[in-house]
């Protein structure tokens, strides 16, 4: 990846994080994950939202973005698998000043149906430490091509 493309992606992530933390209506319109994680040892976990390019112009094709719906929360883990390509990965939900102190994760999943799990150690905005039993999200990540189509193939 070129330095200029990296800079553009970094700026997009920072802008999306700041927008999510400062523009609650925008984050509220993003779809909450399908099955929220269950917190153990704490009173609550804020809603966790997943965002695709369909929901935000700041994302590129093949990207999936997660954000916890409150400032000052910390930690959590996202693991995913793309059922179209069988690629998988993971990322930490990380709060930074650039994200408005909202835990976020940007995933480069590629286009297709992506199954994600949000889980792990977490601290809510009240400062309560807990463990999140996995919450599950199914997202249709848009892209130019169907991942199963190879260039030059024709349907029969």
C-alpha atoms as a PDB file:
ATOM      1  CA  UNK A   1       0.000   0.000   0.000  1.00  0.00           C
ATOM      2  CA  UNK A   2       1.374   3.410  -0.907  1.00  0.00           C
ATOM      3  CA  UNK A   3       1.994   6.058   1.730  1.00  0.00           C
ATOM      4  CA  UNK A   4      -0.656   8.341   0.249  1.00  0.00           C
ATOM      5  CA  UNK A   5      -3.293   5.581   0.274  1.00  0.00           C
ATOM      6  CA  UNK A   6      -2.343   4.711   3.864  1.00  0.00           C
ATOM      7  CA  UNK A   7      -2.731   8.390   4.821  1.00  0.00           C
ATOM      8  CA  UNK A   8      -6.157   8.568   3.163  1.00  0.00           C
ATOM      9  CA  UNK A   9      -7.339   5.406   4.938  1.00  0.00           C
ATOM     10  CA  UNK A  10      -5.983   6.646   8.266  1.00  0.00           C
ATOM     11  CA  UNK A  11      -7.769   9.979   7.811  1.00  0.00           C
ATOM     12  CA  UNK A  12     -10.990   8.151   6.938  1.00  0.00           C
ATOM     13  CA  UNK A  13     -10.774   5.998  10.065  1.00  0.00           C
ATOM     14  CA  UNK A  14     -10.078   9.020  12.272  1.00  0.00           C
ATOM     15  CA  UNK A  15     -12.920  10.974  10.673  1.00  0.00           C
ATOM     16  CA  UNK A  16     -15.333   8.063  11.050  1.00  0.00           C
ATOM     17  CA  UNK A  17     -14.349   7.545  14.686  1.00  0.00           C
ATOM     18  CA  UNK A  18     -14.751  11.213  15.521  1.00  0.00           C
ATOM     19  CA  UNK A  19     -18.050  11.383  13.671  1.00  0.00           C
ATOM     20  CA  UNK A  20     -19.309   8.330  15.527  1.00  0.00           C
ATOM     21  CA  UNK A  21     -18.486   9.775  18.913  1.00  0.00           C
ATOM     22  CA  UNK A  22     -19.685  13.305  18.209  1.00  0.00           C
ATOM     23  CA  UNK A  23     -22.699  12.568  16.040  1.00  0.00           C
ATOM     24  CA  UNK A  24     -24.824  10.185  18.099  1.00  0.00           C
ATOM     25  CA  UNK A  25     -27.684  10.214  15.554  1.00  0.00           C
ATOM     26  CA  UNK A  26     -25.298   8.960  12.869  1.00  0.00           C
ATOM     27  CA  UNK A  27     -24.082   6.110  15.050  1.00  0.00           C
ATOM     28  CA  UNK A  28     -27.633   5.367  16.160  1.00  0.00           C
ATOM     29  CA  UNK A  29     -28.665   4.870  12.529  1.00  0.00           C
ATOM     30  CA  UNK A  30     -25.951   2.206  12.071  1.00  0.00           C
ATOM     31  CA  UNK A  31     -27.203  -1.287  12.671  1.00  0.00           C
ATOM     32  CA  UNK A  32     -26.498  -2.739  16.110  1.00  0.00           C
ATOM     33  CA  UNK A  33     -24.931  -6.163  15.995  1.00  0.00           C
ATOM     34  CA  UNK A  34     -27.474  -8.957  15.628  1.00  0.00           C
ATOM     35  CA  UNK A  35     -26.886 -10.757  18.943  1.00  0.00           C
ATOM     36  CA  UNK A  36     -25.299  -8.406  21.510  1.00  0.00           C
ATOM     37  CA  UNK A  37     -22.541  -9.749  23.761  1.00  0.00           C
ATOM     38  CA  UNK A  38     -23.563 -10.747  27.283  1.00  0.00           C
ATOM     39  CA  UNK A  39     -21.537  -8.971  29.996  1.00  0.00           C
ATOM     40  CA  UNK A  40     -20.325 -10.980  32.999  1.00  0.00           C
ATOM     41  CA  UNK A  41     -19.315  -9.234  36.245  1.00  0.00           C
ATOM     42  CA  UNK A  42     -20.580  -5.774  35.257  1.00  0.00           C
ATOM     43  CA  UNK A  43     -23.968  -4.093  35.008  1.00  0.00           C
ATOM     44  CA  UNK A  44     -24.072  -3.418  31.259  1.00  0.00           C
ATOM     45  CA  UNK A  45     -22.297  -3.057  27.941  1.00  0.00           C
ATOM     46  CA  UNK A  46     -23.274  -0.266  25.564  1.00  0.00           C
ATOM     47  CA  UNK A  47     -24.698  -1.197  22.161  1.00  0.00           C
ATOM     48  CA  UNK A  48     -22.082  -2.205  19.621  1.00  0.00           C
ATOM     49  CA  UNK A  49     -22.688  -1.112  16.043  1.00  0.00           C
ATOM     50  CA  UNK A  50     -21.429  -2.514  12.755  1.00  0.00           C
ATOM     51  CA  UNK A  51     -21.049  -0.244   9.739  1.00  0.00           C
ATOM     52  CA  UNK A  52     -20.387  -1.072   6.075  1.00  0.00           C
ATOM     53  CA  UNK A  53     -19.804   1.091   3.016  1.00  0.00           C
ATOM     54  CA  UNK A  54     -23.586   1.064   2.508  1.00  0.00           C
ATOM     55  CA  UNK A  55     -23.944   2.936   5.834  1.00  0.00           C
ATOM     56  CA  UNK A  56     -20.970   5.316   5.544  1.00  0.00           C
ATOM     57  CA  UNK A  57     -19.146   6.977   2.659  1.00  0.00           C
ATOM     58  CA  UNK A  58     -15.964   7.024   4.798  1.00  0.00           C
ATOM     59  CA  UNK A  59     -15.532   3.265   4.301  1.00  0.00           C
ATOM     60  CA  UNK A  60     -14.250   1.534   1.199  1.00  0.00           C
ATOM     61  CA  UNK A  61     -15.571  -1.616  -0.406  1.00  0.00           C
ATOM     62  CA  UNK A  62     -14.664  -4.695   1.565  1.00  0.00           C
ATOM     63  CA  UNK A  63     -14.390  -2.897   4.922  1.00  0.00           C
ATOM     64  CA  UNK A  64     -16.421  -3.483   8.075  1.00  0.00           C
ATOM     65  CA  UNK A  65     -16.276  -1.081  11.022  1.00  0.00           C
ATOM     66  CA  UNK A  66     -17.320  -1.729  14.637  1.00  0.00           C
ATOM     67  CA  UNK A  67     -17.907   0.904  17.344  1.00  0.00           C
ATOM     68  CA  UNK A  68     -19.027   0.653  20.967  1.00  0.00           C
ATOM     69  CA  UNK A  69     -21.790   3.195  21.539  1.00  0.00           C
ATOM     70  CA  UNK A  70     -20.233   5.088  24.453  1.00  0.00           C
ATOM     71  CA  UNK A  71     -17.179   7.137  25.279  1.00  0.00           C
ATOM     72  CA  UNK A  72     -14.692   6.023  27.932  1.00  0.00           C
ATOM     73  CA  UNK A  73     -15.403   2.308  27.398  1.00  0.00           C
ATOM     74  CA  UNK A  74     -12.333   0.189  26.766  1.00  0.00           C
ATOM     75  CA  UNK A  75     -11.264  -3.064  25.154  1.00  0.00           C
ATOM     76  CA  UNK A  76     -13.030  -5.976  23.568  1.00  0.00           C
ATOM     77  CA  UNK A  77     -12.128  -8.243  20.683  1.00  0.00           C
ATOM     78  CA  UNK A  78     -13.659  -8.785  17.228  1.00  0.00           C
ATOM     79  CA  UNK A  79     -13.011 -11.972  15.257  1.00  0.00           C
ATOM     80  CA  UNK A  80     -14.497 -12.539  11.810  1.00  0.00           C
ATOM     81  CA  UNK A  81     -14.786 -14.947   8.912  1.00  0.00           C
ATOM     82  CA  UNK A  82     -15.900 -14.104   5.375  1.00  0.00           C
ATOM     83  CA  UNK A  83     -18.087 -17.007   4.218  1.00  0.00           C
ATOM     84  CA  UNK A  84     -17.560 -16.099   0.541  1.00  0.00           C
ATOM     85  CA  UNK A  85     -13.743 -16.312   0.630  1.00  0.00           C
ATOM     86  CA  UNK A  86     -13.100 -18.176   3.911  1.00  0.00           C
ATOM     87  CA  UNK A  87     -10.632 -15.478   4.926  1.00  0.00           C
ATOM     88  CA  UNK A  88     -10.646 -14.647   8.634  1.00  0.00           C
ATOM     89  CA  UNK A  89      -9.050 -12.248  11.072  1.00  0.00           C
ATOM     90  CA  UNK A  90      -9.377 -10.343  14.287  1.00  0.00           C
ATOM     91  CA  UNK A  91      -8.863  -6.946  15.848  1.00  0.00           C
ATOM     92  CA  UNK A  92      -9.093  -5.231  19.211  1.00  0.00           C
ATOM     93  CA  UNK A  93     -11.727  -2.601  19.902  1.00  0.00           C
ATOM     94  CA  UNK A  94      -9.443   0.318  20.749  1.00  0.00           C
ATOM     95  CA  UNK A  95     -10.382   3.738  22.114  1.00  0.00           C
ATOM     96  CA  UNK A  96      -8.097   6.612  21.149  1.00  0.00           C
ATOM     97  CA  UNK A  97      -8.369  10.393  21.346  1.00  0.00           C
ATOM     98  CA  UNK A  98      -8.746  10.374  17.539  1.00  0.00           C
ATOM     99  CA  UNK A  99     -11.818   8.123  17.849  1.00  0.00           C
ATOM    100  CA  UNK A 100     -13.363  10.392  20.490  1.00  0.00           C
ATOM    101  CA  UNK A 101     -12.511   7.812  23.173  1.00  0.00           C
ATOM    102  CA  UNK A 102     -14.973   5.361  21.588  1.00  0.00           C
ATOM    103  CA  UNK A 103     -13.641   1.808  21.125  1.00  0.00           C
ATOM    104  CA  UNK A 104     -13.475   1.066  17.387  1.00  0.00           C
ATOM    105  CA  UNK A 105     -12.143  -1.583  15.017  1.00  0.00           C
ATOM    106  CA  UNK A 106     -11.765  -1.345  11.235  1.00  0.00           C
ATOM    107  CA  UNK A 107     -11.690  -4.702   9.470  1.00  0.00           C
ATOM    108  CA  UNK A 108     -10.615  -5.368   5.885  1.00  0.00           C
ATOM    109  CA  UNK A 109     -12.809  -8.406   5.305  1.00  0.00           C
ATOM    110  CA  UNK A 110     -13.324  -8.200   1.562  1.00  0.00           C
ATOM    111  CA  UNK A 111     -16.788  -8.378   0.006  1.00  0.00           C
ATOM    112  CA  UNK A 112     -19.230 -11.094   1.022  1.00  0.00           C
ATOM    113  CA  UNK A 113     -21.190 -12.293   4.025  1.00  0.00           C
ATOM    114  CA  UNK A 114     -19.096 -11.750   7.148  1.00  0.00           C
ATOM    115  CA  UNK A 115     -19.811 -13.478  10.457  1.00  0.00           C
ATOM    116  CA  UNK A 116     -18.216 -11.604  13.373  1.00  0.00           C
ATOM    117  CA  UNK A 117     -17.992 -12.273  17.103  1.00  0.00           C
ATOM    118  CA  UNK A 118     -17.455  -9.510  19.678  1.00  0.00           C
ATOM    119  CA  UNK A 119     -16.095 -10.868  22.949  1.00  0.00           C
ATOM    120  CA  UNK A 120     -13.410 -10.671  25.628  1.00  0.00           C
ATOM    121  CA  UNK A 121     -12.307  -8.451  28.513  1.00  0.00           C
ATOM    122  CA  UNK A 122     -14.077  -5.075  28.514  1.00  0.00           C
ATOM    123  CA  UNK A 123     -14.423  -2.040  30.758  1.00  0.00           C
ATOM    124  CA  UNK A 124     -17.634  -0.023  30.488  1.00  0.00           C
ATOM    125  CA  UNK A 125     -17.865   3.761  30.931  1.00  0.00           C
ATOM    126  CA  UNK A 126     -18.598   3.315  34.665  1.00  0.00           C
ATOM    127  CA  UNK A 127     -15.172   1.685  35.024  1.00  0.00           C
ATOM    128  CA  UNK A 128     -16.597  -1.776  35.725  1.00  0.00           C
ATOM    129  CA  UNK A 129     -14.371  -4.580  34.438  1.00  0.00           C
ATOM    130  CA  UNK A 130     -16.187  -7.479  32.858  1.00  0.00           C
ATOM    131  CA  UNK A 131     -15.932 -10.248  30.328  1.00  0.00           C
ATOM    132  CA  UNK A 132     -18.124 -10.269  27.228  1.00  0.00           C
ATOM    133  CA  UNK A 133     -19.576 -13.593  26.196  1.00  0.00           C
ATOM    134  CA  UNK A 134     -19.603 -13.558  22.383  1.00  0.00           C
ATOM    135  CA  UNK A 135     -22.124 -11.455  20.535  1.00  0.00           C
ATOM    136  CA  UNK A 136     -22.641 -12.356  16.877  1.00  0.00           C
ATOM    137  CA  UNK A 137     -23.033 -10.099  13.846  1.00  0.00           C
ATOM    138  CA  UNK A 138     -23.874 -11.040  10.250  1.00  0.00           C
ATOM    139  CA  UNK A 139     -23.008  -8.326   7.726  1.00  0.00           C
ATOM    140  CA  UNK A 140     -23.238  -8.218   3.964  1.00  0.00           C
ATOM    141  CA  UNK A 141     -20.064  -6.322   3.020  1.00  0.00           C
ATOM    142  CA  UNK A 142     -20.440  -4.789  -0.442  1.00  0.00           C
ATOM    143  CA  UNK A 143     -17.830  -5.018  -3.187  1.00  0.00           C
ATOM    144  CA  UNK A 144     -17.371  -4.722  -6.943  1.00  0.00           C
ATOM    145  CA  UNK A 145     -17.433  -8.405  -7.728  1.00  0.00           C
ATOM    146  CA  UNK A 146     -18.928 -11.521  -6.283  1.00  0.00           C
ATOM    147  CA  UNK A 147     -15.875 -13.157  -4.635  1.00  0.00           C
ATOM    148  CA  UNK A 148     -16.771 -16.467  -6.302  1.00  0.00           C
ATOM    149  CA  UNK A 149     -16.492 -15.021  -9.817  1.00  0.00           C
ATOM    150  CA  UNK A 150     -13.147 -15.211 -11.539  1.00  0.00           C
ATOM    151  CA  UNK A 151     -12.287 -12.827 -14.380  1.00  0.00           C
ATOM    152  CA  UNK A 152     -13.116 -14.399 -17.706  1.00  0.00           C
ATOM    153  CA  UNK A 153     -15.646 -16.866 -16.289  1.00  0.00           C
ATOM    154  CA  UNK A 154     -19.078 -16.896 -17.812  1.00  0.00           C
ATOM    155  CA  UNK A 155     -22.282 -18.118 -16.242  1.00  0.00           C
ATOM    156  CA  UNK A 156     -23.672 -21.287 -17.736  1.00  0.00           C
END
